[in-house]
């Protein structure tokens, strides 16, 4: 059962807590690469969604995203490599999108700062 709700701030907090505990971040990937979609909040921006649990990532592995595979990224690589690269590329991070695709869209550097506060 998903812990995600319509409270996107709470889902963000859960993302940081759970990934810190499990040391894994979950995303969707196919032959062309990791899932990235147009931002609903910021014009001319792409957002790459990630989840704190395999189960929540799998709920999005349907319909137009059915050809994607649910894969994990070790948290240290996500924070030390991915967030830096995505920040340089101007790609936003989507955290723990719920079943209505509602979730926080953030600058990668802001996500990294949340991990520093969690330590």
PDB file of N, CA and C in Angstrom:
ATOM      1  N   UNK A   1       0.839  -1.184   0.000  1.00  0.00           N
ATOM      2  CA  UNK A   1       0.000   0.000   0.000  1.00  0.00           C
ATOM      3  C   UNK A   1       0.887   1.251   0.000  1.00  0.00           C
ATOM      4  N   UNK A   2       0.588   2.147  -0.891  1.00  0.00           N
ATOM      5  CA  UNK A   2       1.379   3.369  -1.011  1.00  0.00           C
ATOM      6  C   UNK A   2       1.182   4.279   0.201  1.00  0.00           C
ATOM      7  N   UNK A   3       2.264   4.921   0.602  1.00  0.00           N
ATOM      8  CA  UNK A   3       2.197   5.906   1.684  1.00  0.00           C
ATOM      9  C   UNK A   3       1.973   7.311   1.129  1.00  0.00           C
ATOM     10  N   UNK A   4       1.935   7.435  -0.200  1.00  0.00           N
ATOM     11  CA  UNK A   4       1.798   8.752  -0.820  1.00  0.00           C
ATOM     12  C   UNK A   4       0.369   9.264  -0.717  1.00  0.00           C
ATOM     13  N   UNK A   5       0.258  10.571  -0.535  1.00  0.00           N
ATOM     14  CA  UNK A   5      -1.055  11.211  -0.392  1.00  0.00           C
ATOM     15  C   UNK A   5      -1.142  12.393  -1.352  1.00  0.00           C
ATOM     16  N   UNK A   6      -2.177  13.187  -1.202  1.00  0.00           N
ATOM     17  CA  UNK A   6      -2.317  14.396  -2.016  1.00  0.00           C
ATOM     18  C   UNK A   6      -1.477  15.549  -1.458  1.00  0.00           C
ATOM     19  N   UNK A   7      -0.837  15.348  -0.307  1.00  0.00           N
ATOM     20  CA  UNK A   7       0.024  16.354   0.320  1.00  0.00           C
ATOM     21  C   UNK A   7       1.434  16.232  -0.261  1.00  0.00           C
ATOM     22  N   UNK A   8       1.745  17.075  -1.260  1.00  0.00           N
ATOM     23  CA  UNK A   8       3.031  16.921  -1.945  1.00  0.00           C
ATOM     24  C   UNK A   8       4.227  17.268  -1.056  1.00  0.00           C
ATOM     25  N   UNK A   9       4.027  18.146  -0.078  1.00  0.00           N
ATOM     26  CA  UNK A   9       5.123  18.461   0.857  1.00  0.00           C
ATOM     27  C   UNK A   9       5.430  17.247   1.734  1.00  0.00           C
ATOM     28  N   UNK A  10       4.385  16.562   2.178  1.00  0.00           N
ATOM     29  CA  UNK A  10       4.572  15.348   2.987  1.00  0.00           C
ATOM     30  C   UNK A  10       5.226  14.247   2.156  1.00  0.00           C
ATOM     31  N   UNK A  11       4.838  14.154   0.869  1.00  0.00           N
ATOM     32  CA  UNK A  11       5.444  13.153  -0.020  1.00  0.00           C
ATOM     33  C   UNK A  11       6.925  13.446  -0.245  1.00  0.00           C
ATOM     34  N   UNK A  12       7.281  14.726  -0.318  1.00  0.00           N
ATOM     35  CA  UNK A  12       8.688  15.123  -0.443  1.00  0.00           C
ATOM     36  C   UNK A  12       9.461  14.710   0.807  1.00  0.00           C
ATOM     37  N   UNK A  13       8.895  14.986   1.965  1.00  0.00           N
ATOM     38  CA  UNK A  13       9.533  14.615   3.232  1.00  0.00           C
ATOM     39  C   UNK A  13       9.733  13.096   3.295  1.00  0.00           C
ATOM     40  N   UNK A  14       8.712  12.347   2.877  1.00  0.00           N
ATOM     41  CA  UNK A  14       8.796  10.890   2.848  1.00  0.00           C
ATOM     42  C   UNK A  14       9.896  10.427   1.890  1.00  0.00           C
ATOM     43  N   UNK A  15      10.024  11.107   0.753  1.00  0.00           N
ATOM     44  CA  UNK A  15      11.067  10.776  -0.218  1.00  0.00           C
ATOM     45  C   UNK A  15      12.451  10.853   0.427  1.00  0.00           C
ATOM     46  N   UNK A  16      12.723  11.957   1.108  1.00  0.00           N
ATOM     47  CA  UNK A  16      14.032  12.152   1.753  1.00  0.00           C
ATOM     48  C   UNK A  16      14.238  11.125   2.863  1.00  0.00           C
ATOM     49  N   UNK A  17      13.212  10.911   3.706  1.00  0.00           N
ATOM     50  CA  UNK A  17      13.328   9.967   4.829  1.00  0.00           C
ATOM     51  C   UNK A  17      13.558   8.538   4.338  1.00  0.00           C
ATOM     52  N   UNK A  18      12.711   8.084   3.409  1.00  0.00           N
ATOM     53  CA  UNK A  18      12.804   6.690   2.969  1.00  0.00           C
ATOM     54  C   UNK A  18      14.077   6.414   2.171  1.00  0.00           C
ATOM     55  N   UNK A  19      14.454   7.323   1.282  1.00  0.00           N
ATOM     56  CA  UNK A  19      15.674   7.082   0.504  1.00  0.00           C
ATOM     57  C   UNK A  19      16.909   7.148   1.395  1.00  0.00           C
ATOM     58  N   UNK A  20      16.871   7.969   2.411  1.00  0.00           N
ATOM     59  CA  UNK A  20      17.989   8.022   3.363  1.00  0.00           C
ATOM     60  C   UNK A  20      18.108   6.701   4.120  1.00  0.00           C
ATOM     61  N   UNK A  21      16.969   6.105   4.435  1.00  0.00           N
ATOM     62  CA  UNK A  21      16.954   4.847   5.179  1.00  0.00           C
ATOM     63  C   UNK A  21      17.345   3.654   4.296  1.00  0.00           C
ATOM     64  N   UNK A  22      16.756   3.568   3.100  1.00  0.00           N
ATOM     65  CA  UNK A  22      17.011   2.410   2.226  1.00  0.00           C
ATOM     66  C   UNK A  22      18.262   2.575   1.375  1.00  0.00           C
ATOM     67  N   UNK A  23      18.717   3.831   1.233  1.00  0.00           N
ATOM     68  CA  UNK A  23      19.872   4.160   0.387  1.00  0.00           C
ATOM     69  C   UNK A  23      19.605   3.873  -1.088  1.00  0.00           C
ATOM     70  N   UNK A  24      18.311   3.891  -1.489  1.00  0.00           N
ATOM     71  CA  UNK A  24      17.917   3.652  -2.881  1.00  0.00           C
ATOM     72  C   UNK A  24      16.904   4.692  -3.336  1.00  0.00           C
ATOM     73  N   UNK A  25      17.029   5.075  -4.602  1.00  0.00           N
ATOM     74  CA  UNK A  25      16.064   5.955  -5.267  1.00  0.00           C
ATOM     75  C   UNK A  25      15.552   5.161  -6.463  1.00  0.00           C
ATOM     76  N   UNK A  26      14.254   5.242  -6.744  1.00  0.00           N
ATOM     77  CA  UNK A  26      13.638   4.454  -7.808  1.00  0.00           C
ATOM     78  C   UNK A  26      13.181   5.339  -8.954  1.00  0.00           C
ATOM     79  N   UNK A  27      13.401   4.855 -10.174  1.00  0.00           N
ATOM     80  CA  UNK A  27      12.963   5.588 -11.356  1.00  0.00           C
ATOM     81  C   UNK A  27      12.553   4.639 -12.459  1.00  0.00           C
ATOM     82  N   UNK A  28      12.148   5.216 -13.593  1.00  0.00           N
ATOM     83  CA  UNK A  28      11.703   4.441 -14.742  1.00  0.00           C
ATOM     84  C   UNK A  28      12.665   4.668 -15.904  1.00  0.00           C
ATOM     85  N   UNK A  29      13.087   3.570 -16.537  1.00  0.00           N
ATOM     86  CA  UNK A  29      14.062   3.655 -17.626  1.00  0.00           C
ATOM     87  C   UNK A  29      13.657   2.720 -18.754  1.00  0.00           C
ATOM     88  N   UNK A  30      13.876   3.169 -19.989  1.00  0.00           N
ATOM     89  CA  UNK A  30      13.690   2.284 -21.150  1.00  0.00           C
ATOM     90  C   UNK A  30      14.940   2.353 -22.019  1.00  0.00           C
ATOM     91  N   UNK A  31      14.857   1.819 -23.231  1.00  0.00           N
ATOM     92  CA  UNK A  31      16.027   1.776 -24.117  1.00  0.00           C
ATOM     93  C   UNK A  31      16.559   3.166 -24.462  1.00  0.00           C
ATOM     94  N   UNK A  32      15.694   4.164 -24.398  1.00  0.00           N
ATOM     95  CA  UNK A  32      16.099   5.530 -24.745  1.00  0.00           C
ATOM     96  C   UNK A  32      16.651   6.307 -23.556  1.00  0.00           C
ATOM     97  N   UNK A  33      16.485   5.777 -22.357  1.00  0.00           N
ATOM     98  CA  UNK A  33      17.002   6.461 -21.175  1.00  0.00           C
ATOM     99  C   UNK A  33      15.971   6.551 -20.061  1.00  0.00           C
ATOM    100  N   UNK A  34      16.295   7.359 -19.072  1.00  0.00           N
ATOM    101  CA  UNK A  34      15.418   7.537 -17.914  1.00  0.00           C
ATOM    102  C   UNK A  34      14.252   8.443 -18.285  1.00  0.00           C
ATOM    103  N   UNK A  35      13.116   8.176 -17.667  1.00  0.00           N
ATOM    104  CA  UNK A  35      11.902   8.942 -17.928  1.00  0.00           C
ATOM    105  C   UNK A  35      12.093  10.412 -17.568  1.00  0.00           C
ATOM    106  N   UNK A  36      11.780  11.278 -18.507  1.00  0.00           N
ATOM    107  CA  UNK A  36      11.752  12.723 -18.277  1.00  0.00           C
ATOM    108  C   UNK A  36      10.549  13.260 -19.039  1.00  0.00           C
ATOM    109  N   UNK A  37       9.804  14.147 -18.413  1.00  0.00           N
ATOM    110  CA  UNK A  37       8.597  14.704 -19.015  1.00  0.00           C
ATOM    111  C   UNK A  37       8.624  16.223 -18.895  1.00  0.00           C
ATOM    112  N   UNK A  38       7.742  16.878 -19.641  1.00  0.00           N
ATOM    113  CA  UNK A  38       7.634  18.329 -19.538  1.00  0.00           C
ATOM    114  C   UNK A  38       7.090  18.706 -18.167  1.00  0.00           C
ATOM    115  N   UNK A  39       7.661  19.729 -17.590  1.00  0.00           N
ATOM    116  CA  UNK A  39       7.217  20.224 -16.297  1.00  0.00           C
ATOM    117  C   UNK A  39       5.825  20.825 -16.417  1.00  0.00           C
ATOM    118  N   UNK A  40       4.998  20.589 -15.404  1.00  0.00           N
ATOM    119  CA  UNK A  40       3.685  21.225 -15.365  1.00  0.00           C
ATOM    120  C   UNK A  40       3.759  22.567 -14.633  1.00  0.00           C
ATOM    121  N   UNK A  41       4.856  22.791 -13.917  1.00  0.00           N
ATOM    122  CA  UNK A  41       5.011  24.016 -13.130  1.00  0.00           C
ATOM    123  C   UNK A  41       5.875  25.071 -13.798  1.00  0.00           C
ATOM    124  N   UNK A  42       6.877  24.623 -14.555  1.00  0.00           N
ATOM    125  CA  UNK A  42       7.854  25.554 -15.099  1.00  0.00           C
ATOM    126  C   UNK A  42       7.921  25.416 -16.616  1.00  0.00           C
ATOM    127  N   UNK A  43       7.722  26.523 -17.306  1.00  0.00           N
ATOM    128  CA  UNK A  43       7.727  26.525 -18.760  1.00  0.00           C
ATOM    129  C   UNK A  43       9.106  26.166 -19.307  1.00  0.00           C
ATOM    130  N   UNK A  44       9.122  25.422 -20.406  1.00  0.00           N
ATOM    131  CA  UNK A  44      10.364  25.026 -21.083  1.00  0.00           C
ATOM    132  C   UNK A  44      11.339  24.263 -20.177  1.00  0.00           C
ATOM    133  N   UNK A  45      10.789  23.484 -19.251  1.00  0.00           N
ATOM    134  CA  UNK A  45      11.635  22.690 -18.358  1.00  0.00           C
ATOM    135  C   UNK A  45      11.214  21.230 -18.420  1.00  0.00           C
ATOM    136  N   UNK A  46      12.204  20.372 -18.247  1.00  0.00           N
ATOM    137  CA  UNK A  46      11.936  18.943 -18.138  1.00  0.00           C
ATOM    138  C   UNK A  46      12.073  18.546 -16.685  1.00  0.00           C
ATOM    139  N   UNK A  47      11.301  17.542 -16.303  1.00  0.00           N
ATOM    140  CA  UNK A  47      11.386  17.015 -14.945  1.00  0.00           C
ATOM    141  C   UNK A  47      11.534  15.502 -15.031  1.00  0.00           C
ATOM    142  N   UNK A  48      12.418  14.982 -14.179  1.00  0.00           N
ATOM    143  CA  UNK A  48      12.668  13.554 -14.118  1.00  0.00           C
ATOM    144  C   UNK A  48      12.100  13.053 -12.787  1.00  0.00           C
ATOM    145  N   UNK A  49      11.059  12.207 -12.859  1.00  0.00           N
ATOM    146  CA  UNK A  49      10.444  11.746 -11.604  1.00  0.00           C
ATOM    147  C   UNK A  49      11.200  10.580 -10.964  1.00  0.00           C
ATOM    148  N   UNK A  50      11.247  10.608  -9.635  1.00  0.00           N
ATOM    149  CA  UNK A  50      11.856   9.545  -8.840  1.00  0.00           C
ATOM    150  C   UNK A  50      10.972   9.271  -7.637  1.00  0.00           C
ATOM    151  N   UNK A  51      11.062   8.028  -7.143  1.00  0.00           N
ATOM    152  CA  UNK A  51      10.261   7.622  -5.994  1.00  0.00           C
ATOM    153  C   UNK A  51      11.142   7.007  -4.929  1.00  0.00           C
ATOM    154  N   UNK A  52      10.601   6.985  -3.708  1.00  0.00           N
ATOM    155  CA  UNK A  52      11.367   6.437  -2.588  1.00  0.00           C
ATOM    156  C   UNK A  52      11.093   4.950  -2.377  1.00  0.00           C
ATOM    157  N   UNK A  53      10.153   4.385  -3.145  1.00  0.00           N
ATOM    158  CA  UNK A  53       9.897   2.946  -3.021  1.00  0.00           C
ATOM    159  C   UNK A  53       9.660   2.344  -4.397  1.00  0.00           C
ATOM    160  N   UNK A  54      10.037   1.096  -4.534  1.00  0.00           N
ATOM    161  CA  UNK A  54       9.824   0.371  -5.782  1.00  0.00           C
ATOM    162  C   UNK A  54       8.324   0.289  -6.084  1.00  0.00           C
ATOM    163  N   UNK A  55       7.545   0.036  -5.045  1.00  0.00           N
ATOM    164  CA  UNK A  55       6.089  -0.088  -5.202  1.00  0.00           C
ATOM    165  C   UNK A  55       5.477   1.167  -5.825  1.00  0.00           C
ATOM    166  N   UNK A  56       5.871   2.335  -5.340  1.00  0.00           N
ATOM    167  CA  UNK A  56       5.303   3.582  -5.877  1.00  0.00           C
ATOM    168  C   UNK A  56       5.775   3.844  -7.300  1.00  0.00           C
ATOM    169  N   UNK A  57       7.009   3.489  -7.607  1.00  0.00           N
ATOM    170  CA  UNK A  57       7.491   3.635  -8.979  1.00  0.00           C
ATOM    171  C   UNK A  57       6.696   2.715  -9.908  1.00  0.00           C
ATOM    172  N   UNK A  58       6.427   1.501  -9.445  1.00  0.00           N
ATOM    173  CA  UNK A  58       5.703   0.525 -10.265  1.00  0.00           C
ATOM    174  C   UNK A  58       4.283   0.981 -10.586  1.00  0.00           C
ATOM    175  N   UNK A  59       3.656   1.765  -9.717  1.00  0.00           N
ATOM    176  CA  UNK A  59       2.281   2.212  -9.997  1.00  0.00           C
ATOM    177  C   UNK A  59       2.238   3.120 -11.221  1.00  0.00           C
ATOM    178  N   UNK A  60       3.381   3.670 -11.609  1.00  0.00           N
ATOM    179  CA  UNK A  60       3.444   4.557 -12.775  1.00  0.00           C
ATOM    180  C   UNK A  60       3.945   3.835 -14.021  1.00  0.00           C
ATOM    181  N   UNK A  61       4.261   2.561 -13.878  1.00  0.00           N
ATOM    182  CA  UNK A  61       4.814   1.749 -14.958  1.00  0.00           C
ATOM    183  C   UNK A  61       3.666   1.154 -15.797  1.00  0.00           C
ATOM    184  N   UNK A  62       2.750   2.024 -16.236  1.00  0.00           N
ATOM    185  CA  UNK A  62       1.543   1.626 -16.975  1.00  0.00           C
ATOM    186  C   UNK A  62       1.312   2.577 -18.149  1.00  0.00           C
ATOM    187  N   UNK A  63       0.343   2.223 -18.977  1.00  0.00           N
ATOM    188  CA  UNK A  63      -0.079   3.025 -20.121  1.00  0.00           C
ATOM    189  C   UNK A  63       1.114   3.519 -20.936  1.00  0.00           C
ATOM    190  N   UNK A  64       1.261   4.844 -21.100  1.00  0.00           N
ATOM    191  CA  UNK A  64       2.346   5.338 -21.961  1.00  0.00           C
ATOM    192  C   UNK A  64       3.734   5.077 -21.378  1.00  0.00           C
ATOM    193  N   UNK A  65       3.805   4.712 -20.127  1.00  0.00           N
ATOM    194  CA  UNK A  65       5.090   4.410 -19.494  1.00  0.00           C
ATOM    195  C   UNK A  65       5.275   2.912 -19.267  1.00  0.00           C
ATOM    196  N   UNK A  66       4.434   2.085 -19.873  1.00  0.00           N
ATOM    197  CA  UNK A  66       4.478   0.633 -19.661  1.00  0.00           C
ATOM    198  C   UNK A  66       5.753  -0.008 -20.208  1.00  0.00           C
ATOM    199  N   UNK A  67       6.394   0.623 -21.197  1.00  0.00           N
ATOM    200  CA  UNK A  67       7.614   0.040 -21.760  1.00  0.00           C
ATOM    201  C   UNK A  67       8.861   0.381 -20.952  1.00  0.00           C
ATOM    202  N   UNK A  68       8.686   1.063 -19.840  1.00  0.00           N
ATOM    203  CA  UNK A  68       9.811   1.403 -18.969  1.00  0.00           C
ATOM    204  C   UNK A  68      10.023   0.294 -17.943  1.00  0.00           C
ATOM    205  N   UNK A  69      11.244   0.199 -17.470  1.00  0.00           N
ATOM    206  CA  UNK A  69      11.602  -0.745 -16.424  1.00  0.00           C
ATOM    207  C   UNK A  69      11.776   0.045 -15.129  1.00  0.00           C
ATOM    208  N   UNK A  70      11.342  -0.529 -14.020  1.00  0.00           N
ATOM    209  CA  UNK A  70      11.520   0.109 -12.713  1.00  0.00           C
ATOM    210  C   UNK A  70      12.893  -0.296 -12.185  1.00  0.00           C
ATOM    211  N   UNK A  71      13.761   0.693 -11.999  1.00  0.00           N
ATOM    212  CA  UNK A  71      15.133   0.426 -11.560  1.00  0.00           C
ATOM    213  C   UNK A  71      15.514   1.335 -10.395  1.00  0.00           C
ATOM    214  N   UNK A  72      16.464   0.863  -9.606  1.00  0.00           N
ATOM    215  CA  UNK A  72      16.939   1.696  -8.491  1.00  0.00           C
ATOM    216  C   UNK A  72      18.316   2.271  -8.791  1.00  0.00           C
ATOM    217  N   UNK A  73      18.596   3.358  -8.099  1.00  0.00           N
ATOM    218  CA  UNK A  73      19.892   4.024  -8.168  1.00  0.00           C
ATOM    219  C   UNK A  73      20.379   4.125  -6.712  1.00  0.00           C
ATOM    220  N   UNK A  74      21.600   3.707  -6.422  1.00  0.00           N
ATOM    221  CA  UNK A  74      22.109   3.892  -5.055  1.00  0.00           C
ATOM    222  C   UNK A  74      22.091   5.378  -4.686  1.00  0.00           C
ATOM    223  N   UNK A  75      21.676   5.659  -3.471  1.00  0.00           N
ATOM    224  CA  UNK A  75      21.501   7.047  -3.042  1.00  0.00           C
ATOM    225  C   UNK A  75      22.784   7.868  -3.178  1.00  0.00           C
ATOM    226  N   UNK A  76      23.940   7.288  -2.828  1.00  0.00           N
ATOM    227  CA  UNK A  76      25.173   8.073  -2.912  1.00  0.00           C
ATOM    228  C   UNK A  76      25.468   8.496  -4.354  1.00  0.00           C
ATOM    229  N   UNK A  77      25.195   7.618  -5.320  1.00  0.00           N
ATOM    230  CA  UNK A  77      25.408   7.969  -6.729  1.00  0.00           C
ATOM    231  C   UNK A  77      24.377   9.007  -7.172  1.00  0.00           C
ATOM    232  N   UNK A  78      23.146   8.855  -6.701  1.00  0.00           N
ATOM    233  CA  UNK A  78      22.082   9.812  -7.029  1.00  0.00           C
ATOM    234  C   UNK A  78      22.464  11.216  -6.547  1.00  0.00           C
ATOM    235  N   UNK A  79      22.907  11.322  -5.311  1.00  0.00           N
ATOM    236  CA  UNK A  79      23.215  12.634  -4.723  1.00  0.00           C
ATOM    237  C   UNK A  79      24.523  13.205  -5.285  1.00  0.00           C
ATOM    238  N   UNK A  80      25.574  12.385  -5.361  1.00  0.00           N
ATOM    239  CA  UNK A  80      26.903  12.890  -5.735  1.00  0.00           C
ATOM    240  C   UNK A  80      27.114  13.014  -7.237  1.00  0.00           C
ATOM    241  N   UNK A  81      26.328  12.296  -8.044  1.00  0.00           N
ATOM    242  CA  UNK A  81      26.532  12.304  -9.486  1.00  0.00           C
ATOM    243  C   UNK A  81      25.297  12.837 -10.222  1.00  0.00           C
ATOM    244  N   UNK A  82      24.186  12.162 -10.026  1.00  0.00           N
ATOM    245  CA  UNK A  82      22.971  12.517 -10.759  1.00  0.00           C
ATOM    246  C   UNK A  82      22.510  13.948 -10.494  1.00  0.00           C
ATOM    247  N   UNK A  83      22.425  14.326  -9.237  1.00  0.00           N
ATOM    248  CA  UNK A  83      21.913  15.666  -8.934  1.00  0.00           C
ATOM    249  C   UNK A  83      22.800  16.747  -9.527  1.00  0.00           C
ATOM    250  N   UNK A  84      24.104  16.535  -9.523  1.00  0.00           N
ATOM    251  CA  UNK A  84      25.029  17.515 -10.122  1.00  0.00           C
ATOM    252  C   UNK A  84      24.823  17.600 -11.632  1.00  0.00           C
ATOM    253  N   UNK A  85      24.761  16.439 -12.282  1.00  0.00           N
ATOM    254  CA  UNK A  85      24.604  16.402 -13.741  1.00  0.00           C
ATOM    255  C   UNK A  85      23.261  16.987 -14.166  1.00  0.00           C
ATOM    256  N   UNK A  86      22.189  16.599 -13.478  1.00  0.00           N
ATOM    257  CA  UNK A  86      20.861  17.110 -13.830  1.00  0.00           C
ATOM    258  C   UNK A  86      20.774  18.614 -13.591  1.00  0.00           C
ATOM    259  N   UNK A  87      21.446  19.089 -12.549  1.00  0.00           N
ATOM    260  CA  UNK A  87      21.479  20.527 -12.277  1.00  0.00           C
ATOM    261  C   UNK A  87      22.167  21.258 -13.429  1.00  0.00           C
ATOM    262  N   UNK A  88      23.299  20.728 -13.884  1.00  0.00           N
ATOM    263  CA  UNK A  88      24.024  21.331 -15.015  1.00  0.00           C
ATOM    264  C   UNK A  88      23.178  21.311 -16.288  1.00  0.00           C
ATOM    265  N   UNK A  89      22.376  20.244 -16.460  1.00  0.00           N
ATOM    266  CA  UNK A  89      21.534  20.100 -17.652  1.00  0.00           C
ATOM    267  C   UNK A  89      20.217  20.867 -17.551  1.00  0.00           C
ATOM    268  N   UNK A  90      19.939  21.437 -16.384  1.00  0.00           N
ATOM    269  CA  UNK A  90      18.707  22.197 -16.195  1.00  0.00           C
ATOM    270  C   UNK A  90      17.455  21.334 -16.098  1.00  0.00           C
ATOM    271  N   UNK A  91      17.635  20.075 -15.666  1.00  0.00           N
ATOM    272  CA  UNK A  91      16.502  19.160 -15.511  1.00  0.00           C
ATOM    273  C   UNK A  91      16.056  19.169 -14.050  1.00  0.00           C
ATOM    274  N   UNK A  92      14.761  19.300 -13.836  1.00  0.00           N
ATOM    275  CA  UNK A  92      14.202  19.307 -12.493  1.00  0.00           C
ATOM    276  C   UNK A  92      14.013  17.888 -11.979  1.00  0.00           C
ATOM    277  N   UNK A  93      13.883  17.753 -10.668  1.00  0.00           N
ATOM    278  CA  UNK A  93      13.612  16.467 -10.025  1.00  0.00           C
ATOM    279  C   UNK A  93      12.168  16.474  -9.544  1.00  0.00           C
ATOM    280  N   UNK A  94      11.451  15.405  -9.895  1.00  0.00           N
ATOM    281  CA  UNK A  94      10.094  15.207  -9.380  1.00  0.00           C
ATOM    282  C   UNK A  94      10.162  14.154  -8.293  1.00  0.00           C
ATOM    283  N   UNK A  95       9.653  14.457  -7.101  1.00  0.00           N
ATOM    284  CA  UNK A  95       9.780  13.529  -5.986  1.00  0.00           C
ATOM    285  C   UNK A  95       8.440  12.920  -5.601  1.00  0.00           C
ATOM    286  N   UNK A  96       8.430  11.587  -5.550  1.00  0.00           N
ATOM    287  CA  UNK A  96       7.277  10.833  -5.046  1.00  0.00           C
ATOM    288  C   UNK A  96       5.948  11.301  -5.613  1.00  0.00           C
ATOM    289  N   UNK A  97       5.862  11.331  -6.952  1.00  0.00           N
ATOM    290  CA  UNK A  97       4.583  11.691  -7.562  1.00  0.00           C
ATOM    291  C   UNK A  97       3.540  10.657  -7.172  1.00  0.00           C
ATOM    292  N   UNK A  98       2.366  11.156  -6.779  1.00  0.00           N
ATOM    293  CA  UNK A  98       1.304  10.237  -6.375  1.00  0.00           C
ATOM    294  C   UNK A  98       0.580   9.684  -7.602  1.00  0.00           C
ATOM    295  N   UNK A  99      -0.491   8.940  -7.376  1.00  0.00           N
ATOM    296  CA  UNK A  99      -1.190   8.276  -8.480  1.00  0.00           C
ATOM    297  C   UNK A  99      -1.874   9.254  -9.443  1.00  0.00           C
ATOM    298  N   UNK A 100      -1.973  10.533  -9.043  1.00  0.00           N
ATOM    299  CA  UNK A 100      -2.525  11.566  -9.928  1.00  0.00           C
ATOM    300  C   UNK A 100      -1.410  12.379 -10.597  1.00  0.00           C
ATOM    301  N   UNK A 101      -0.175  11.874 -10.478  1.00  0.00           N
ATOM    302  CA  UNK A 101       1.021  12.545 -11.007  1.00  0.00           C
ATOM    303  C   UNK A 101       1.239  13.910 -10.374  1.00  0.00           C
ATOM    304  N   UNK A 102       0.804  14.046  -9.141  1.00  0.00           N
ATOM    305  CA  UNK A 102       1.046  15.278  -8.382  1.00  0.00           C
ATOM    306  C   UNK A 102       2.292  15.056  -7.531  1.00  0.00           C
ATOM    307  N   UNK A 103       3.168  16.032  -7.563  1.00  0.00           N
ATOM    308  CA  UNK A 103       4.375  15.930  -6.759  1.00  0.00           C
ATOM    309  C   UNK A 103       5.216  17.180  -6.905  1.00  0.00           C
ATOM    310  N   UNK A 104       6.146  17.295  -6.023  1.00  0.00           N
ATOM    311  CA  UNK A 104       7.034  18.447  -5.997  1.00  0.00           C
ATOM    312  C   UNK A 104       8.009  18.376  -7.172  1.00  0.00           C
ATOM    313  N   UNK A 105       8.206  19.514  -7.843  1.00  0.00           N
ATOM    314  CA  UNK A 105       9.229  19.647  -8.883  1.00  0.00           C
ATOM    315  C   UNK A 105      10.258  20.623  -8.345  1.00  0.00           C
ATOM    316  N   UNK A 106      11.504  20.169  -8.248  1.00  0.00           N
ATOM    317  CA  UNK A 106      12.535  20.967  -7.587  1.00  0.00           C
ATOM    318  C   UNK A 106      13.831  20.990  -8.379  1.00  0.00           C
ATOM    319  N   UNK A 107      14.595  22.032  -8.144  1.00  0.00           N
ATOM    320  CA  UNK A 107      15.957  22.099  -8.672  1.00  0.00           C
ATOM    321  C   UNK A 107      16.766  20.988  -7.988  1.00  0.00           C
ATOM    322  N   UNK A 108      17.607  20.285  -8.738  1.00  0.00           N
ATOM    323  CA  UNK A 108      18.421  19.226  -8.127  1.00  0.00           C
ATOM    324  C   UNK A 108      19.258  19.715  -6.938  1.00  0.00           C
ATOM    325  N   UNK A 109      19.763  20.927  -7.020  1.00  0.00           N
ATOM    326  CA  UNK A 109      20.579  21.448  -5.910  1.00  0.00           C
ATOM    327  C   UNK A 109      19.745  21.601  -4.637  1.00  0.00           C
ATOM    328  N   UNK A 110      18.452  21.919  -4.789  1.00  0.00           N
ATOM    329  CA  UNK A 110      17.579  22.034  -3.614  1.00  0.00           C
ATOM    330  C   UNK A 110      17.296  20.671  -2.996  1.00  0.00           C
ATOM    331  N   UNK A 111      17.197  19.648  -3.840  1.00  0.00           N
ATOM    332  CA  UNK A 111      17.025  18.279  -3.331  1.00  0.00           C
ATOM    333  C   UNK A 111      18.278  17.879  -2.560  1.00  0.00           C
ATOM    334  N   UNK A 112      19.445  18.171  -3.099  1.00  0.00           N
ATOM    335  CA  UNK A 112      20.716  17.841  -2.422  1.00  0.00           C
ATOM    336  C   UNK A 112      20.781  18.505  -1.051  1.00  0.00           C
ATOM    337  N   UNK A 113      20.315  19.733  -0.946  1.00  0.00           N
ATOM    338  CA  UNK A 113      20.336  20.456   0.329  1.00  0.00           C
ATOM    339  C   UNK A 113      19.449  19.756   1.364  1.00  0.00           C
ATOM    340  N   UNK A 114      18.342  19.161   0.913  1.00  0.00           N
ATOM    341  CA  UNK A 114      17.463  18.446   1.855  1.00  0.00           C
ATOM    342  C   UNK A 114      18.168  17.238   2.456  1.00  0.00           C
ATOM    343  N   UNK A 115      19.038  16.582   1.674  1.00  0.00           N
ATOM    344  CA  UNK A 115      19.800  15.455   2.212  1.00  0.00           C
ATOM    345  C   UNK A 115      20.823  15.925   3.228  1.00  0.00           C
ATOM    346  N   UNK A 116      21.402  17.090   3.011  1.00  0.00           N
ATOM    347  CA  UNK A 116      22.370  17.631   3.966  1.00  0.00           C
ATOM    348  C   UNK A 116      21.687  17.941   5.294  1.00  0.00           C
ATOM    349  N   UNK A 117      20.467  18.465   5.229  1.00  0.00           N
ATOM    350  CA  UNK A 117      19.709  18.756   6.452  1.00  0.00           C
ATOM    351  C   UNK A 117      19.297  17.492   7.180  1.00  0.00           C
ATOM    352  N   UNK A 118      19.074  16.413   6.407  1.00  0.00           N
ATOM    353  CA  UNK A 118      18.604  15.153   7.014  1.00  0.00           C
ATOM    354  C   UNK A 118      19.704  14.434   7.778  1.00  0.00           C
ATOM    355  N   UNK A 119      20.960  14.741   7.483  1.00  0.00           N
ATOM    356  CA  UNK A 119      22.077  14.059   8.166  1.00  0.00           C
ATOM    357  C   UNK A 119      22.179  14.436   9.617  1.00  0.00           C
TER     358      UNK A 119
END
